[in-house]
PDB file of N, CA and C in Angstrom:
ATOM      1  N   MET A   1       0.820  -1.190   0.000  1.00  0.00           N
ATOM      2  CA  MET A   1       0.000   0.000   0.000  1.00  0.00           C
ATOM      3  C   MET A   1       0.873   1.267   0.000  1.00  0.00           C
ATOM      4  N   ALA A   2       2.047   1.191   0.589  1.00  0.00           N
ATOM      5  CA  ALA A   2       2.927   2.364   0.655  1.00  0.00           C
ATOM      6  C   ALA A   2       3.331   2.834  -0.737  1.00  0.00           C
ATOM      7  N   ASP A   3       3.648   1.900  -1.632  1.00  0.00           N
ATOM      8  CA  ASP A   3       4.023   2.281  -2.995  1.00  0.00           C
ATOM      9  C   ASP A   3       2.859   2.960  -3.714  1.00  0.00           C
ATOM     10  N   GLN A   4       1.655   2.425  -3.528  1.00  0.00           N
ATOM     11  CA  GLN A   4       0.475   3.016  -4.152  1.00  0.00           C
ATOM     12  C   GLN A   4       0.197   4.406  -3.578  1.00  0.00           C
ATOM     13  N   ALA A   5       0.346   4.566  -2.270  1.00  0.00           N
ATOM     14  CA  ALA A   5       0.133   5.869  -1.637  1.00  0.00           C
ATOM     15  C   ALA A   5       1.137   6.888  -2.164  1.00  0.00           C
ATOM     16  N   GLU A   6       2.379   6.478  -2.335  1.00  0.00           N
ATOM     17  CA  GLU A   6       3.406   7.384  -2.865  1.00  0.00           C
ATOM     18  C   GLU A   6       3.085   7.785  -4.301  1.00  0.00           C
ATOM     19  N   THR A   7       2.696   6.821  -5.131  1.00  0.00           N
ATOM     20  CA  THR A   7       2.333   7.104  -6.522  1.00  0.00           C
ATOM     21  C   THR A   7       1.159   8.062  -6.589  1.00  0.00           C
ATOM     22  N   LEU A   8       0.156   7.797  -5.778  1.00  0.00           N
ATOM     23  CA  LEU A   8      -1.035   8.631  -5.762  1.00  0.00           C
ATOM     24  C   LEU A   8      -0.715  10.054  -5.305  1.00  0.00           C
ATOM     25  N   ALA A   9       0.013  10.195  -4.216  1.00  0.00           N
ATOM     26  CA  ALA A   9       0.384  11.517  -3.714  1.00  0.00           C
ATOM     27  C   ALA A   9       1.217  12.271  -4.745  1.00  0.00           C
ATOM     28  N   ARG A  10       2.147  11.583  -5.386  1.00  0.00           N
ATOM     29  CA  ARG A  10       2.995  12.213  -6.410  1.00  0.00           C
ATOM     30  C   ARG A  10       2.141  12.742  -7.565  1.00  0.00           C
ATOM     31  N   ASN A  11       1.164  11.964  -8.029  1.00  0.00           N
ATOM     32  CA  ASN A  11       0.301  12.399  -9.120  1.00  0.00           C
ATOM     33  C   ASN A  11      -0.541  13.612  -8.729  1.00  0.00           C
ATOM     34  N   LEU A  12      -1.154  13.560  -7.547  1.00  0.00           N
ATOM     35  CA  LEU A  12      -2.009  14.660  -7.113  1.00  0.00           C
ATOM     36  C   LEU A  12      -1.208  15.946  -6.900  1.00  0.00           C
ATOM     37  N   VAL A  13      -0.055  15.837  -6.268  1.00  0.00           N
ATOM     38  CA  VAL A  13       0.779  17.025  -6.026  1.00  0.00           C
ATOM     39  C   VAL A  13       1.337  17.564  -7.345  1.00  0.00           C
ATOM     40  N   SER A  14       1.724  16.695  -8.244  1.00  0.00           N
ATOM     41  CA  SER A  14       2.240  17.129  -9.545  1.00  0.00           C
ATOM     42  C   SER A  14       1.195  17.951 -10.301  1.00  0.00           C
ATOM     43  N   CYS A  15      -0.052  17.500 -10.275  1.00  0.00           N
ATOM     44  CA  CYS A  15      -1.135  18.257 -10.922  1.00  0.00           C
ATOM     45  C   CYS A  15      -1.274  19.634 -10.276  1.00  0.00           C
ATOM     46  N   ALA A  16      -1.237  19.675  -8.952  1.00  0.00           N
ATOM     47  CA  ALA A  16      -1.390  20.943  -8.237  1.00  0.00           C
ATOM     48  C   ALA A  16      -0.242  21.895  -8.542  1.00  0.00           C
ATOM     49  N   VAL A  17       0.968  21.377  -8.589  1.00  0.00           N
ATOM     50  CA  VAL A  17       2.138  22.224  -8.881  1.00  0.00           C
ATOM     51  C   VAL A  17       2.014  22.841 -10.273  1.00  0.00           C
ATOM     52  N   SER A  18       1.544  22.053 -11.235  1.00  0.00           N
ATOM     53  CA  SER A  18       1.445  22.572 -12.603  1.00  0.00           C
ATOM     54  C   SER A  18       0.402  23.682 -12.729  1.00  0.00           C
ATOM     55  N   ARG A  19      -0.571  23.727 -11.821  1.00  0.00           N
ATOM     56  CA  ARG A  19      -1.621  24.753 -11.877  1.00  0.00           C
ATOM     57  C   ARG A  19      -1.359  25.942 -10.969  1.00  0.00           C
ATOM     58  N   THR A  20      -0.436  25.826 -10.041  1.00  0.00           N
ATOM     59  CA  THR A  20      -0.238  26.847  -9.016  1.00  0.00           C
ATOM     60  C   THR A  20       0.757  27.913  -9.474  1.00  0.00           C
ATOM     61  N   PRO A  21       0.352  29.181  -9.416  1.00  0.00           N
ATOM     62  CA  PRO A  21       1.277  30.254  -9.814  1.00  0.00           C
ATOM     63  C   PRO A  21       2.392  30.439  -8.781  1.00  0.00           C
ATOM     64  N   ALA A  22       3.458  31.087  -9.192  1.00  0.00           N
ATOM     65  CA  ALA A  22       4.566  31.396  -8.276  1.00  0.00           C
ATOM     66  C   ALA A  22       4.011  32.111  -7.049  1.00  0.00           C
ATOM     67  N   GLY A  23       4.465  31.707  -5.887  1.00  0.00           N
ATOM     68  CA  GLY A  23       4.009  32.308  -4.640  1.00  0.00           C
ATOM     69  C   GLY A  23       2.743  31.677  -4.089  1.00  0.00           C
ATOM     70  N   GLY A  24       2.109  30.784  -4.870  1.00  0.00           N
ATOM     71  CA  GLY A  24       0.895  30.108  -4.417  1.00  0.00           C
ATOM     72  C   GLY A  24       1.220  28.999  -3.428  1.00  0.00           C
ATOM     73  N   HIS A  25       0.220  28.537  -2.716  1.00  0.00           N
ATOM     74  CA  HIS A  25       0.406  27.478  -1.721  1.00  0.00           C
ATOM     75  C   HIS A  25      -0.396  26.240  -2.088  1.00  0.00           C
ATOM     76  N   ILE A  26       0.182  25.086  -1.809  1.00  0.00           N
ATOM     77  CA  ILE A  26      -0.476  23.797  -2.000  1.00  0.00           C
ATOM     78  C   ILE A  26      -0.576  23.144  -0.636  1.00  0.00           C
ATOM     79  N   ASN A  27      -1.748  22.641  -0.306  1.00  0.00           N
ATOM     80  CA  ASN A  27      -1.952  21.948   0.969  1.00  0.00           C
ATOM     81  C   ASN A  27      -2.265  20.486   0.701  1.00  0.00           C
ATOM     82  N   VAL A  28      -1.638  19.617   1.477  1.00  0.00           N
ATOM     83  CA  VAL A  28      -1.857  18.179   1.358  1.00  0.00           C
ATOM     84  C   VAL A  28      -2.384  17.670   2.690  1.00  0.00           C
ATOM     85  N   ARG A  29      -3.456  16.879   2.626  1.00  0.00           N
ATOM     86  CA  ARG A  29      -4.029  16.266   3.824  1.00  0.00           C
ATOM     87  C   ARG A  29      -4.094  14.767   3.590  1.00  0.00           C
ATOM     88  N   ILE A  30      -3.616  14.009   4.560  1.00  0.00           N
ATOM     89  CA  ILE A  30      -3.679  12.550   4.502  1.00  0.00           C
ATOM     90  C   ILE A  30      -4.416  12.080   5.746  1.00  0.00           C
ATOM     91  N   GLU A  31      -5.430  11.270   5.524  1.00  0.00           N
ATOM     92  CA  GLU A  31      -6.266  10.800   6.629  1.00  0.00           C
ATOM     93  C   GLU A  31      -6.456   9.286   6.512  1.00  0.00           C
ATOM     94  N   ILE A  32      -6.302   8.611   7.630  1.00  0.00           N
ATOM     95  CA  ILE A  32      -6.535   7.168   7.663  1.00  0.00           C
ATOM     96  C   ILE A  32      -7.927   6.937   8.232  1.00  0.00           C
ATOM     97  N   SER A  33      -8.740   6.187   7.500  1.00  0.00           N
ATOM     98  CA  SER A  33     -10.086   5.861   7.961  1.00  0.00           C
ATOM     99  C   SER A  33     -10.234   4.349   8.036  1.00  0.00           C
ATOM    100  N   GLU A  34     -11.401   3.896   8.446  1.00  0.00           N
ATOM    101  CA  GLU A  34     -11.627   2.448   8.510  1.00  0.00           C
ATOM    102  C   GLU A  34     -11.665   1.823   7.126  1.00  0.00           C
ATOM    103  N   PHE A  35     -11.894   2.642   6.086  1.00  0.00           N
ATOM    104  CA  PHE A  35     -12.004   2.128   4.726  1.00  0.00           C
ATOM    105  C   PHE A  35     -10.710   2.209   3.942  1.00  0.00           C
ATOM    106  N   GLY A  36      -9.831   3.140   4.314  1.00  0.00           N
ATOM    107  CA  GLY A  36      -8.607   3.281   3.562  1.00  0.00           C
ATOM    108  C   GLY A  36      -7.842   4.542   3.908  1.00  0.00           C
ATOM    109  N   LEU A  37      -7.027   4.946   2.991  1.00  0.00           N
ATOM    110  CA  LEU A  37      -6.173   6.112   3.143  1.00  0.00           C
ATOM    111  C   LEU A  37      -6.663   7.186   2.178  1.00  0.00           C
ATOM    112  N   LEU A  38      -7.058   8.340   2.702  1.00  0.00           N
ATOM    113  CA  LEU A  38      -7.540   9.455   1.888  1.00  0.00           C
ATOM    114  C   LEU A  38      -6.411  10.457   1.718  1.00  0.00           C
ATOM    115  N   ILE A  39      -6.137  10.830   0.465  1.00  0.00           N
ATOM    116  CA  ILE A  39      -5.141  11.857   0.158  1.00  0.00           C
ATOM    117  C   ILE A  39      -5.875  12.976  -0.562  1.00  0.00           C
ATOM    118  N   GLU A  40      -5.753  14.189  -0.027  1.00  0.00           N
ATOM    119  CA  GLU A  40      -6.432  15.359  -0.595  1.00  0.00           C
ATOM    120  C   GLU A  40      -5.410  16.452  -0.835  1.00  0.00           C
ATOM    121  N   VAL A  41      -5.439  17.062  -2.010  1.00  0.00           N
ATOM    122  CA  VAL A  41      -4.508  18.124  -2.366  1.00  0.00           C
ATOM    123  C   VAL A  41      -5.318  19.347  -2.799  1.00  0.00           C
ATOM    124  N   ARG A  42      -5.039  20.492  -2.154  1.00  0.00           N
ATOM    125  CA  ARG A  42      -5.715  21.755  -2.479  1.00  0.00           C
ATOM    126  C   ARG A  42      -4.710  22.720  -3.085  1.00  0.00           C
ATOM    127  N   ASP A  43      -5.157  23.419  -4.133  1.00  0.00           N
ATOM    128  CA  ASP A  43      -4.332  24.466  -4.729  1.00  0.00           C
ATOM    129  C   ASP A  43      -5.225  25.657  -5.060  1.00  0.00           C
ATOM    130  N   PRO A  44      -4.627  26.841  -5.318  1.00  0.00           N
ATOM    131  CA  PRO A  44      -5.421  28.045  -5.518  1.00  0.00           C
ATOM    132  C   PRO A  44      -6.023  28.190  -6.916  1.00  0.00           C
ATOM    133  N   ALA A  45      -5.716  27.289  -7.822  1.00  0.00           N
ATOM    134  CA  ALA A  45      -6.168  27.422  -9.207  1.00  0.00           C
ATOM    135  C   ALA A  45      -7.638  27.054  -9.364  1.00  0.00           C
ATOM    136  N   GLY A  46      -8.145  27.288 -10.542  1.00  0.00           N
ATOM    137  CA  GLY A  46      -9.515  26.888 -10.875  1.00  0.00           C
ATOM    138  C   GLY A  46      -9.591  25.398 -11.131  1.00  0.00           C
ATOM    139  N   LEU A  47     -10.746  24.954 -11.558  1.00  0.00           N
ATOM    140  CA  LEU A  47     -11.004  23.542 -11.786  1.00  0.00           C
ATOM    141  C   LEU A  47     -10.042  22.982 -12.820  1.00  0.00           C
ATOM    142  N   GLY A  48      -9.428  21.870 -12.495  1.00  0.00           N
ATOM    143  CA  GLY A  48      -8.540  21.181 -13.414  1.00  0.00           C
ATOM    144  C   GLY A  48      -8.979  19.733 -13.512  1.00  0.00           C
ATOM    145  N   GLN A  49      -8.413  19.029 -14.423  1.00  0.00           N
ATOM    146  CA  GLN A  49      -8.764  17.626 -14.629  1.00  0.00           C
ATOM    147  C   GLN A  49      -7.508  16.777 -14.573  1.00  0.00           C
ATOM    148  N   PHE A  50      -7.702  15.496 -14.281  1.00  0.00           N
ATOM    149  CA  PHE A  50      -6.613  14.542 -14.421  1.00  0.00           C
ATOM    150  C   PHE A  50      -6.384  14.398 -15.922  1.00  0.00           C
ATOM    151  N   ASP A  51      -5.123  14.250 -16.344  1.00  0.00           N
ATOM    152  CA  ASP A  51      -4.944  13.963 -17.765  1.00  0.00           C
ATOM    153  C   ASP A  51      -5.071  12.458 -17.964  1.00  0.00           C
ATOM    154  N   GLY A  52      -5.040  11.997 -19.190  1.00  0.00           N
ATOM    155  CA  GLY A  52      -5.309  10.600 -19.501  1.00  0.00           C
ATOM    156  C   GLY A  52      -4.403   9.612 -18.791  1.00  0.00           C
ATOM    157  N   VAL A  53      -3.096   9.889 -18.760  1.00  0.00           N
ATOM    158  CA  VAL A  53      -2.151   8.972 -18.113  1.00  0.00           C
ATOM    159  C   VAL A  53      -2.402   8.947 -16.609  1.00  0.00           C
ATOM    160  N   GLU A  54      -2.540  10.129 -16.009  1.00  0.00           N
ATOM    161  CA  GLU A  54      -2.780  10.178 -14.564  1.00  0.00           C
ATOM    162  C   GLU A  54      -4.092   9.514 -14.204  1.00  0.00           C
ATOM    163  N   LEU A  55      -5.142   9.747 -15.003  1.00  0.00           N
ATOM    164  CA  LEU A  55      -6.440   9.156 -14.731  1.00  0.00           C
ATOM    165  C   LEU A  55      -6.356   7.635 -14.753  1.00  0.00           C
ATOM    166  N   ALA A  56      -5.685   7.079 -15.726  1.00  0.00           N
ATOM    167  CA  ALA A  56      -5.556   5.626 -15.819  1.00  0.00           C
ATOM    168  C   ALA A  56      -4.808   5.073 -14.612  1.00  0.00           C
ATOM    169  N   GLU A  57      -3.722   5.731 -14.228  1.00  0.00           N
ATOM    170  CA  GLU A  57      -2.934   5.254 -13.092  1.00  0.00           C
ATOM    171  C   GLU A  57      -3.701   5.408 -11.788  1.00  0.00           C
ATOM    172  N   VAL A  58      -4.344   6.576 -11.595  1.00  0.00           N
ATOM    173  CA  VAL A  58      -5.086   6.835 -10.366  1.00  0.00           C
ATOM    174  C   VAL A  58      -6.281   5.891 -10.250  1.00  0.00           C
ATOM    175  N   SER A  59      -7.032   5.714 -11.333  1.00  0.00           N
ATOM    176  CA  SER A  59      -8.225   4.877 -11.260  1.00  0.00           C
ATOM    177  C   SER A  59      -7.882   3.404 -11.043  1.00  0.00           C
ATOM    178  N   SER A  60      -6.696   2.983 -11.440  1.00  0.00           N
ATOM    179  CA  SER A  60      -6.331   1.575 -11.278  1.00  0.00           C
ATOM    180  C   SER A  60      -5.950   1.213  -9.845  1.00  0.00           C
ATOM    181  N   ILE A  61      -5.638   2.211  -9.004  1.00  0.00           N
ATOM    182  CA  ILE A  61      -5.186   1.896  -7.643  1.00  0.00           C
ATOM    183  C   ILE A  61      -6.085   2.454  -6.553  1.00  0.00           C
ATOM    184  N   THR A  62      -7.173   3.150  -6.920  1.00  0.00           N
ATOM    185  CA  THR A  62      -7.985   3.801  -5.899  1.00  0.00           C
ATOM    186  C   THR A  62      -9.355   3.158  -5.732  1.00  0.00           C
ATOM    187  N   LEU A  63      -9.901   3.372  -4.549  1.00  0.00           N
ATOM    188  CA  LEU A  63     -11.274   2.992  -4.253  1.00  0.00           C
ATOM    189  C   LEU A  63     -12.207   4.027  -4.879  1.00  0.00           C
ATOM    190  N   SER A  64     -11.840   5.306  -4.759  1.00  0.00           N
ATOM    191  CA  SER A  64     -12.593   6.404  -5.368  1.00  0.00           C
ATOM    192  C   SER A  64     -11.679   7.607  -5.510  1.00  0.00           C
ATOM    193  N   PHE A  65     -12.046   8.536  -6.408  1.00  0.00           N
ATOM    194  CA  PHE A  65     -11.286   9.761  -6.594  1.00  0.00           C
ATOM    195  C   PHE A  65     -12.183  10.813  -7.210  1.00  0.00           C
ATOM    196  N   GLY A  66     -11.762  12.079  -7.120  1.00  0.00           N
ATOM    197  CA  GLY A  66     -12.555  13.147  -7.702  1.00  0.00           C
ATOM    198  C   GLY A  66     -11.880  14.488  -7.540  1.00  0.00           C
ATOM    199  N   SER A  67     -12.581  15.515  -7.999  1.00  0.00           N
ATOM    200  CA  SER A  67     -12.075  16.877  -7.869  1.00  0.00           C
ATOM    201  C   SER A  67     -13.245  17.837  -7.783  1.00  0.00           C
ATOM    202  N   SER A  68     -12.987  18.992  -7.210  1.00  0.00           N
ATOM    203  CA  SER A  68     -14.005  20.036  -7.117  1.00  0.00           C
ATOM    204  C   SER A  68     -13.305  21.390  -7.079  1.00  0.00           C
ATOM    205  N   CYS A  69     -14.092  22.426  -7.302  1.00  0.00           N
ATOM    206  CA  CYS A  69     -13.554  23.773  -7.308  1.00  0.00           C
ATOM    207  C   CYS A  69     -14.526  24.678  -6.572  1.00  0.00           C
ATOM    208  N   GLY A  70     -13.980  25.582  -5.785  1.00  0.00           N
ATOM    209  CA  GLY A  70     -14.804  26.521  -5.050  1.00  0.00           C
ATOM    210  C   GLY A  70     -14.047  27.801  -4.818  1.00  0.00           C
ATOM    211  N   PRO A  71     -14.587  28.660  -3.962  1.00  0.00           N
ATOM    212  CA  PRO A  71     -13.945  29.952  -3.695  1.00  0.00           C
ATOM    213  C   PRO A  71     -12.512  29.810  -3.165  1.00  0.00           C
ATOM    214  N   GLY A  72     -12.223  28.714  -2.475  1.00  0.00           N
ATOM    215  CA  GLY A  72     -10.890  28.512  -1.912  1.00  0.00           C
ATOM    216  C   GLY A  72      -9.897  27.890  -2.867  1.00  0.00           C
ATOM    217  N   GLY A  73     -10.324  27.558  -4.090  1.00  0.00           N
ATOM    218  CA  GLY A  73      -9.421  26.945  -5.059  1.00  0.00           C
ATOM    219  C   GLY A  73      -9.881  25.581  -5.496  1.00  0.00           C
ATOM    220  N   HIS A  74      -8.943  24.803  -5.925  1.00  0.00           N
ATOM    221  CA  HIS A  74      -9.193  23.490  -6.501  1.00  0.00           C
ATOM    222  C   HIS A  74      -8.785  22.389  -5.526  1.00  0.00           C
ATOM    223  N   ILE A  75      -9.582  21.321  -5.457  1.00  0.00           N
ATOM    224  CA  ILE A  75      -9.282  20.172  -4.596  1.00  0.00           C
ATOM    225  C   ILE A  75      -9.331  18.915  -5.449  1.00  0.00           C
ATOM    226  N   GLN A  76      -8.295  18.098  -5.354  1.00  0.00           N
ATOM    227  CA  GLN A  76      -8.318  16.750  -5.930  1.00  0.00           C
ATOM    228  C   GLN A  76      -8.091  15.797  -4.785  1.00  0.00           C
ATOM    229  N   TRP A  77      -8.820  14.674  -4.788  1.00  0.00           N
ATOM    230  CA  TRP A  77      -8.690  13.710  -3.719  1.00  0.00           C
ATOM    231  C   TRP A  77      -8.804  12.296  -4.282  1.00  0.00           C
ATOM    232  N   ALA A  78      -8.262  11.368  -3.537  1.00  0.00           N
ATOM    233  CA  ALA A  78      -8.368   9.954  -3.898  1.00  0.00           C
ATOM    234  C   ALA A  78      -8.247   9.126  -2.624  1.00  0.00           C
ATOM    235  N   GLU A  79      -8.878   7.968  -2.652  1.00  0.00           N
ATOM    236  CA  GLU A  79      -8.866   7.087  -1.488  1.00  0.00           C
ATOM    237  C   GLU A  79      -8.371   5.704  -1.897  1.00  0.00           C
ATOM    238  N   LEU A  80      -7.381   5.236  -1.171  1.00  0.00           N
ATOM    239  CA  LEU A  80      -6.863   3.882  -1.364  1.00  0.00           C
ATOM    240  C   LEU A  80      -7.573   2.954  -0.397  1.00  0.00           C
ATOM    241  N   ARG A  81      -7.936   1.797  -0.873  1.00  0.00           N
ATOM    242  CA  ARG A  81      -8.580   0.801  -0.019  1.00  0.00           C
ATOM    243  C   ARG A  81      -7.539   0.140   0.888  1.00  0.00           C
ATOM    244  N   VAL A  82      -7.917  -0.072   2.153  1.00  0.00           N
ATOM    245  CA  VAL A  82      -7.046  -0.788   3.076  1.00  0.00           C
ATOM    246  C   VAL A  82      -6.970  -2.244   2.618  1.00  0.00           C
ATOM    247  N   PRO A  83      -5.771  -2.775   2.434  1.00  0.00           N
ATOM    248  CA  PRO A  83      -5.660  -4.177   2.027  1.00  0.00           C
ATOM    249  C   PRO A  83      -6.253  -5.091   3.103  1.00  0.00           C
ATOM    250  N   GLN A  84      -6.991  -6.090   2.670  1.00  0.00           N
ATOM    251  CA  GLN A  84      -7.568  -7.063   3.593  1.00  0.00           C
ATOM    252  C   GLN A  84      -6.513  -8.087   3.976  1.00  0.00           C
ATOM    253  N   PRO A  85      -6.490  -8.482   5.252  1.00  0.00           N
ATOM    254  CA  PRO A  85      -5.516  -9.501   5.666  1.00  0.00           C
ATOM    255  C   PRO A  85      -5.769 -10.796   4.903  1.00  0.00           C
ATOM    256  N   ARG A  86      -4.712 -11.466   4.559  1.00  0.00           N
ATOM    257  CA  ARG A  86      -4.846 -12.749   3.849  1.00  0.00           C
ATOM    258  C   ARG A  86      -5.174 -13.846   4.847  1.00  0.00           C
ATOM    259  N   ALA A  87      -6.002 -14.750   4.417  1.00  0.00           N
ATOM    260  CA  ALA A  87      -6.366 -15.882   5.274  1.00  0.00           C
ATOM    261  C   ALA A  87      -5.164 -16.794   5.436  1.00  0.00           C
ATOM    262  N   ALA A  88      -5.024 -17.302   6.634  1.00  0.00           N
ATOM    263  CA  ALA A  88      -3.909 -18.212   6.914  1.00  0.00           C
ATOM    264  C   ALA A  88      -4.136 -19.533   6.178  1.00  0.00           C
ATOM    265  N   THR A  89      -3.046 -20.085   5.690  1.00  0.00           N
ATOM    266  CA  THR A  89      -3.131 -21.372   5.011  1.00  0.00           C
ATOM    267  C   THR A  89      -2.474 -22.427   5.885  1.00  0.00           C
ATOM    268  N   ALA A  90      -3.020 -23.603   5.823  1.00  0.00           N
ATOM    269  CA  ALA A  90      -2.489 -24.688   6.668  1.00  0.00           C
ATOM    270  C   ALA A  90      -1.505 -25.530   5.939  1.00  0.00           C
TER     271      ALA A  90
END
């Protein structure tokens, strides 16, 4: 899960950096829930989209993902599913 979390965070932050003007701020929030790991990235830009490569990579490793835009800027988020423990074999 750590490799997937790193890939996901890198993609979300990379998108935010490309949209953020010099002097702008990017905020990253990571939250662990009973369902998985939520990574949220906020930037001051308007609504942006995942590009095709990022969308394919993000959608292949996440439980859910999305983006929104409001007065405070742009937010992209994604949630990784907590891996289920493997059953013991005899």
